[in-house]
Amino acid sequence: MSEVTPAPSDPPVESTPAPVEPQPTSPAPQQAAPAPTPEPVKVKGDADDYIRELRDEAKQRRIAAETLTKERDEAATARDAVTAERDTLARQNAVILASQGLGANAAAILDSRALESKLAAVDPSDPDAVKAFITEAMEANAAFKTGPVIPSRNGGAHQGGTPAAQPLSLDAAVRGALGG
């Protein structure tokens, strides 16, 4: 904007800003009026009987809720047990499959209580982790390696030569020993 400069003969005019009118604020949203209080229940008969009925109904619902909560907790425990068993079997299967190519005795590795916690940490979907677990186990204990396969026996057992005749009496043994 360009300002108009007053002539030099005019006294300087002070400019005052125009008063700013406050912006109208939007009215606050109307809160919903509280629900009117319901009319009291008109009971036909004795009010104490009605209260007893309500308490019995509340008791039945409370018992049903406790039963459902107990069943839910039991189902969650069973689910967790089955999930843990599934994970253990997946790890064991991965060790069995990978041990064949590495020359490891899978039965000995899986039977080892010392390796149980390490096996629980292995991810069965990661073949490198399974191979590293098996290799580490074989390095720690040579019993986890499979040894050379011994060929099966062919034919009968070796009998050896004929045994020397045994002396029949003590006198014959003494004579044989003394050369006589």
C-alpha atoms as a PDB file:
ATOM      1  CA  MET A   1       0.000   0.000   0.000  1.00  0.00           C
ATOM      2  CA  SER A   2       1.170   3.457  -0.722  1.00  0.00           C
ATOM      3  CA  GLU A   3       0.921   6.072   1.942  1.00  0.00           C
ATOM      4  CA  VAL A   4      -0.153   9.584   1.313  1.00  0.00           C
ATOM      5  CA  THR A   5       2.392  12.032   2.583  1.00  0.00           C
ATOM      6  CA  PRO A   6       0.937  15.258   3.935  1.00  0.00           C
ATOM      7  CA  ALA A   7       2.003  18.546   2.532  1.00  0.00           C
ATOM      8  CA  PRO A   8       4.777  20.264   4.460  1.00  0.00           C
ATOM      9  CA  SER A   9       2.502  23.074   5.540  1.00  0.00           C
ATOM     10  CA  ASP A  10       0.054  20.718   7.218  1.00  0.00           C
ATOM     11  CA  PRO A  11       0.795  19.642  10.727  1.00  0.00           C
ATOM     12  CA  PRO A  12       1.574  15.963  11.051  1.00  0.00           C
ATOM     13  CA  VAL A  13      -1.481  13.890  11.641  1.00  0.00           C
ATOM     14  CA  GLU A  14      -1.168  11.028  13.970  1.00  0.00           C
ATOM     15  CA  SER A  15      -2.652   7.939  12.581  1.00  0.00           C
ATOM     16  CA  THR A  16      -4.623   5.921  15.007  1.00  0.00           C
ATOM     17  CA  PRO A  17      -5.548   2.442  14.163  1.00  0.00           C
ATOM     18  CA  ALA A  18      -9.176   1.776  13.663  1.00  0.00           C
ATOM     19  CA  PRO A  19     -10.711  -0.032  16.578  1.00  0.00           C
ATOM     20  CA  VAL A  20     -10.846  -3.742  15.944  1.00  0.00           C
ATOM     21  CA  GLU A  21     -14.165  -5.270  16.597  1.00  0.00           C
ATOM     22  CA  PRO A  22     -13.963  -8.591  18.368  1.00  0.00           C
ATOM     23  CA  GLN A  23     -14.717 -11.486  16.108  1.00  0.00           C
ATOM     24  CA  PRO A  24     -17.905 -13.166  17.084  1.00  0.00           C
ATOM     25  CA  THR A  25     -17.096 -16.520  18.579  1.00  0.00           C
ATOM     26  CA  SER A  26     -19.092 -19.427  17.522  1.00  0.00           C
ATOM     27  CA  PRO A  27     -21.545 -20.368  20.197  1.00  0.00           C
ATOM     28  CA  ALA A  28     -20.516 -23.345  22.295  1.00  0.00           C
ATOM     29  CA  PRO A  29     -22.243 -26.500  21.174  1.00  0.00           C
ATOM     30  CA  GLN A  30     -25.257 -27.190  23.227  1.00  0.00           C
ATOM     31  CA  GLN A  31     -24.727 -30.110  25.524  1.00  0.00           C
ATOM     32  CA  ALA A  32     -27.401 -32.680  25.513  1.00  0.00           C
ATOM     33  CA  ALA A  33     -29.779 -32.211  28.327  1.00  0.00           C
ATOM     34  CA  PRO A  34     -29.447 -34.910  30.953  1.00  0.00           C
ATOM     35  CA  ALA A  35     -31.909 -37.703  30.570  1.00  0.00           C
ATOM     36  CA  PRO A  36     -34.902 -37.224  32.747  1.00  0.00           C
ATOM     37  CA  THR A  37     -35.035 -39.372  35.814  1.00  0.00           C
ATOM     38  CA  PRO A  38     -37.205 -42.395  35.134  1.00  0.00           C
ATOM     39  CA  GLU A  39     -40.350 -42.795  37.071  1.00  0.00           C
ATOM     40  CA  PRO A  40     -40.059 -45.137  40.034  1.00  0.00           C
ATOM     41  CA  VAL A  41     -41.124 -48.692  39.371  1.00  0.00           C
ATOM     42  CA  LYS A  42     -44.565 -49.359  40.660  1.00  0.00           C
ATOM     43  CA  VAL A  43     -44.515 -52.738  42.266  1.00  0.00           C
ATOM     44  CA  LYS A  44     -47.642 -54.769  42.552  1.00  0.00           C
ATOM     45  CA  GLY A  45     -47.464 -56.556  45.805  1.00  0.00           C
ATOM     46  CA  ASP A  46     -44.685 -56.495  48.365  1.00  0.00           C
ATOM     47  CA  ALA A  47     -41.581 -54.413  47.534  1.00  0.00           C
ATOM     48  CA  ASP A  48     -39.397 -56.790  49.573  1.00  0.00           C
ATOM     49  CA  ASP A  49     -40.384 -59.704  47.321  1.00  0.00           C
ATOM     50  CA  TYR A  50     -39.471 -57.644  44.277  1.00  0.00           C
ATOM     51  CA  ILE A  51     -36.070 -56.808  45.788  1.00  0.00           C
ATOM     52  CA  ARG A  52     -35.465 -60.502  46.556  1.00  0.00           C
ATOM     53  CA  GLU A  53     -36.254 -61.389  42.936  1.00  0.00           C
ATOM     54  CA  LEU A  54     -33.815 -58.750  41.688  1.00  0.00           C
ATOM     55  CA  ARG A  55     -31.111 -60.003  44.036  1.00  0.00           C
ATOM     56  CA  ASP A  56     -31.660 -63.607  42.903  1.00  0.00           C
ATOM     57  CA  GLU A  57     -31.422 -62.531  39.282  1.00  0.00           C
ATOM     58  CA  ALA A  58     -28.202 -60.599  40.012  1.00  0.00           C
ATOM     59  CA  LYS A  59     -26.784 -63.640  41.826  1.00  0.00           C
ATOM     60  CA  GLN A  60     -27.519 -65.924  38.863  1.00  0.00           C
ATOM     61  CA  ARG A  61     -25.867 -63.503  36.454  1.00  0.00           C
ATOM     62  CA  ARG A  62     -22.847 -63.119  38.732  1.00  0.00           C
ATOM     63  CA  ILE A  63     -22.447 -66.917  38.953  1.00  0.00           C
ATOM     64  CA  ALA A  64     -22.785 -67.208  35.172  1.00  0.00           C
ATOM     65  CA  ALA A  65     -20.136 -64.490  34.693  1.00  0.00           C
ATOM     66  CA  GLU A  66     -17.749 -66.247  37.110  1.00  0.00           C
ATOM     67  CA  THR A  67     -18.264 -69.561  35.299  1.00  0.00           C
ATOM     68  CA  LEU A  68     -17.602 -67.982  31.913  1.00  0.00           C
ATOM     69  CA  THR A  69     -14.485 -66.247  33.247  1.00  0.00           C
ATOM     70  CA  LYS A  70     -13.172 -69.540  34.633  1.00  0.00           C
ATOM     71  CA  GLU A  71     -13.858 -71.337  31.332  1.00  0.00           C
ATOM     72  CA  ARG A  72     -12.128 -68.534  29.404  1.00  0.00           C
ATOM     73  CA  ASP A  73      -9.049 -68.772  31.635  1.00  0.00           C
ATOM     74  CA  GLU A  74      -8.924 -72.570  31.254  1.00  0.00           C
ATOM     75  CA  ALA A  75      -9.223 -72.260  27.477  1.00  0.00           C
ATOM     76  CA  ALA A  76      -6.411 -69.690  27.409  1.00  0.00           C
ATOM     77  CA  THR A  77      -4.194 -71.992  29.483  1.00  0.00           C
ATOM     78  CA  ALA A  78      -4.925 -74.926  27.172  1.00  0.00           C
ATOM     79  CA  ARG A  79      -4.239 -72.739  24.129  1.00  0.00           C
ATOM     80  CA  ASP A  80      -0.895 -71.645  25.569  1.00  0.00           C
ATOM     81  CA  ALA A  81       0.091 -75.254  26.325  1.00  0.00           C
ATOM     82  CA  VAL A  82      -0.783 -76.405  22.810  1.00  0.00           C
ATOM     83  CA  THR A  83       1.100 -73.463  21.301  1.00  0.00           C
ATOM     84  CA  ALA A  84       4.210 -74.276  23.361  1.00  0.00           C
ATOM     85  CA  GLU A  85       4.021 -77.939  22.322  1.00  0.00           C
ATOM     86  CA  ARG A  86       3.646 -76.937  18.660  1.00  0.00           C
ATOM     87  CA  ASP A  87       6.704 -74.697  18.875  1.00  0.00           C
ATOM     88  CA  THR A  88       8.755 -77.439  20.562  1.00  0.00           C
ATOM     89  CA  LEU A  89       7.797 -79.965  17.895  1.00  0.00           C
ATOM     90  CA  ALA A  90       8.671 -77.497  15.130  1.00  0.00           C
ATOM     91  CA  ARG A  91      12.138 -76.976  16.647  1.00  0.00           C
ATOM     92  CA  GLN A  92      12.682 -80.718  17.049  1.00  0.00           C
ATOM     93  CA  ASN A  93      11.599 -81.348  13.465  1.00  0.00           C
ATOM     94  CA  ALA A  94      13.980 -78.664  12.195  1.00  0.00           C
ATOM     95  CA  VAL A  95      16.877 -80.233  14.151  1.00  0.00           C
ATOM     96  CA  ILE A  96      16.074 -83.712  12.838  1.00  0.00           C
ATOM     97  CA  LEU A  97      15.953 -82.529   9.229  1.00  0.00           C
ATOM     98  CA  ALA A  98      19.109 -80.407   9.446  1.00  0.00           C
ATOM     99  CA  SER A  99      21.172 -82.945  11.398  1.00  0.00           C
ATOM    100  CA  GLN A 100      21.151 -85.460   8.557  1.00  0.00           C
ATOM    101  CA  GLY A 101      23.222 -83.212   6.319  1.00  0.00           C
ATOM    102  CA  LEU A 102      25.616 -82.156   9.093  1.00  0.00           C
ATOM    103  CA  GLY A 103      26.512 -85.616  10.359  1.00  0.00           C
ATOM    104  CA  ALA A 104      24.889 -85.081  13.743  1.00  0.00           C
ATOM    105  CA  ASN A 105      23.058 -87.522  15.964  1.00  0.00           C
ATOM    106  CA  ALA A 106      19.668 -85.829  16.234  1.00  0.00           C
ATOM    107  CA  ALA A 107      18.373 -88.239  18.876  1.00  0.00           C
ATOM    108  CA  ALA A 108      21.311 -87.464  21.182  1.00  0.00           C
ATOM    109  CA  ILE A 109      21.006 -83.709  20.645  1.00  0.00           C
ATOM    110  CA  LEU A 110      17.269 -83.679  21.338  1.00  0.00           C
ATOM    111  CA  ASP A 111      17.699 -85.938  24.386  1.00  0.00           C
ATOM    112  CA  SER A 112      20.289 -83.631  25.971  1.00  0.00           C
ATOM    113  CA  ARG A 113      18.904 -81.667  28.921  1.00  0.00           C
ATOM    114  CA  ALA A 114      21.882 -79.299  28.723  1.00  0.00           C
ATOM    115  CA  LEU A 115      20.777 -78.102  25.279  1.00  0.00           C
ATOM    116  CA  GLU A 116      17.078 -77.686  26.107  1.00  0.00           C
ATOM    117  CA  SER A 117      17.274 -73.965  26.891  1.00  0.00           C
ATOM    118  CA  LYS A 118      19.414 -73.269  23.817  1.00  0.00           C
ATOM    119  CA  LEU A 119      16.989 -75.210  21.625  1.00  0.00           C
ATOM    120  CA  ALA A 120      14.076 -73.158  22.984  1.00  0.00           C
ATOM    121  CA  ALA A 121      15.775 -70.002  21.679  1.00  0.00           C
ATOM    122  CA  VAL A 122      16.239 -71.363  18.139  1.00  0.00           C
ATOM    123  CA  ASP A 123      13.881 -70.113  15.429  1.00  0.00           C
ATOM    124  CA  PRO A 124      12.777 -73.220  13.496  1.00  0.00           C
ATOM    125  CA  SER A 125      12.013 -71.175  10.366  1.00  0.00           C
ATOM    126  CA  ASP A 126      15.648 -69.972  10.144  1.00  0.00           C
ATOM    127  CA  PRO A 127      17.763 -72.840   8.726  1.00  0.00           C
ATOM    128  CA  ASP A 128      21.013 -70.995   9.467  1.00  0.00           C
ATOM    129  CA  ALA A 129      20.114 -70.693  13.155  1.00  0.00           C
ATOM    130  CA  VAL A 130      19.262 -74.401  13.325  1.00  0.00           C
ATOM    131  CA  LYS A 131      22.557 -75.359  11.637  1.00  0.00           C
ATOM    132  CA  ALA A 132      24.484 -73.062  13.982  1.00  0.00           C
ATOM    133  CA  PHE A 133      22.788 -74.709  16.983  1.00  0.00           C
ATOM    134  CA  ILE A 134      23.669 -78.207  15.757  1.00  0.00           C
ATOM    135  CA  THR A 135      27.256 -77.248  14.893  1.00  0.00           C
ATOM    136  CA  GLU A 136      27.747 -75.640  18.310  1.00  0.00           C
ATOM    137  CA  ALA A 137      26.356 -78.745  20.018  1.00  0.00           C
ATOM    138  CA  MET A 138      28.681 -81.043  18.047  1.00  0.00           C
ATOM    139  CA  GLU A 139      31.698 -78.867  18.900  1.00  0.00           C
ATOM    140  CA  ALA A 140      30.773 -78.895  22.585  1.00  0.00           C
ATOM    141  CA  ASN A 141      30.273 -82.668  22.785  1.00  0.00           C
ATOM    142  CA  ALA A 142      31.682 -85.224  20.359  1.00  0.00           C
ATOM    143  CA  ALA A 143      28.932 -87.670  21.347  1.00  0.00           C
ATOM    144  CA  PHE A 144      26.533 -85.630  19.222  1.00  0.00           C
ATOM    145  CA  LYS A 145      28.444 -86.545  16.056  1.00  0.00           C
ATOM    146  CA  THR A 146      27.510 -89.648  14.164  1.00  0.00           C
ATOM    147  CA  GLY A 147      30.415 -92.077  13.941  1.00  0.00           C
ATOM    148  CA  PRO A 148      31.429 -94.189  10.964  1.00  0.00           C
ATOM    149  CA  VAL A 149      29.012 -96.932  10.105  1.00  0.00           C
ATOM    150  CA  ILE A 150      30.424-100.349  10.971  1.00  0.00           C
ATOM    151  CA  PRO A 151      29.618-102.934   8.318  1.00  0.00           C
ATOM    152  CA  SER A 152      27.307-105.711   9.344  1.00  0.00           C
ATOM    153  CA  ARG A 153      28.661-109.200   9.881  1.00  0.00           C
ATOM    154  CA  ASN A 154      28.860-111.476   6.872  1.00  0.00           C
ATOM    155  CA  GLY A 155      28.801-115.195   7.526  1.00  0.00           C
ATOM    156  CA  GLY A 156      29.553-116.939  10.798  1.00  0.00           C
ATOM    157  CA  ALA A 157      31.819-115.868  13.611  1.00  0.00           C
ATOM    158  CA  HIS A 158      35.555-116.663  13.465  1.00  0.00           C
ATOM    159  CA  GLN A 159      36.163-119.794  15.527  1.00  0.00           C
ATOM    160  CA  GLY A 160      39.960-119.767  15.695  1.00  0.00           C
ATOM    161  CA  GLY A 161      42.198-122.851  15.916  1.00  0.00           C
ATOM    162  CA  THR A 162      41.623-126.017  17.903  1.00  0.00           C
ATOM    163  CA  PRO A 163      42.493-125.694  21.560  1.00  0.00           C
ATOM    164  CA  ALA A 164      45.348-127.745  23.019  1.00  0.00           C
ATOM    165  CA  ALA A 165      44.350-130.875  24.894  1.00  0.00           C
ATOM    166  CA  GLN A 166      43.989-130.214  28.585  1.00  0.00           C
ATOM    167  CA  PRO A 167      45.639-132.499  31.111  1.00  0.00           C
ATOM    168  CA  LEU A 168      43.345-134.954  32.781  1.00  0.00           C
ATOM    169  CA  SER A 169      45.045-135.043  36.168  1.00  0.00           C
ATOM    170  CA  LEU A 170      47.533-133.190  38.351  1.00  0.00           C
ATOM    171  CA  ASP A 171      50.218-135.801  37.778  1.00  0.00           C
ATOM    172  CA  ALA A 172      49.910-135.433  34.005  1.00  0.00           C
ATOM    173  CA  ALA A 173      50.208-131.664  34.313  1.00  0.00           C
ATOM    174  CA  VAL A 174      53.391-131.940  36.432  1.00  0.00           C
ATOM    175  CA  ARG A 175      54.942-134.386  33.987  1.00  0.00           C
ATOM    176  CA  GLY A 176      54.090-132.133  31.070  1.00  0.00           C
ATOM    177  CA  ALA A 177      55.625-129.130  32.789  1.00  0.00           C
ATOM    178  CA  LEU A 178      58.824-130.968  33.800  1.00  0.00           C
ATOM    179  CA  GLY A 179      59.222-132.520  30.410  1.00  0.00           C
ATOM    180  CA  GLY A 180      58.710-135.999  31.445  1.00  0.00           C
END
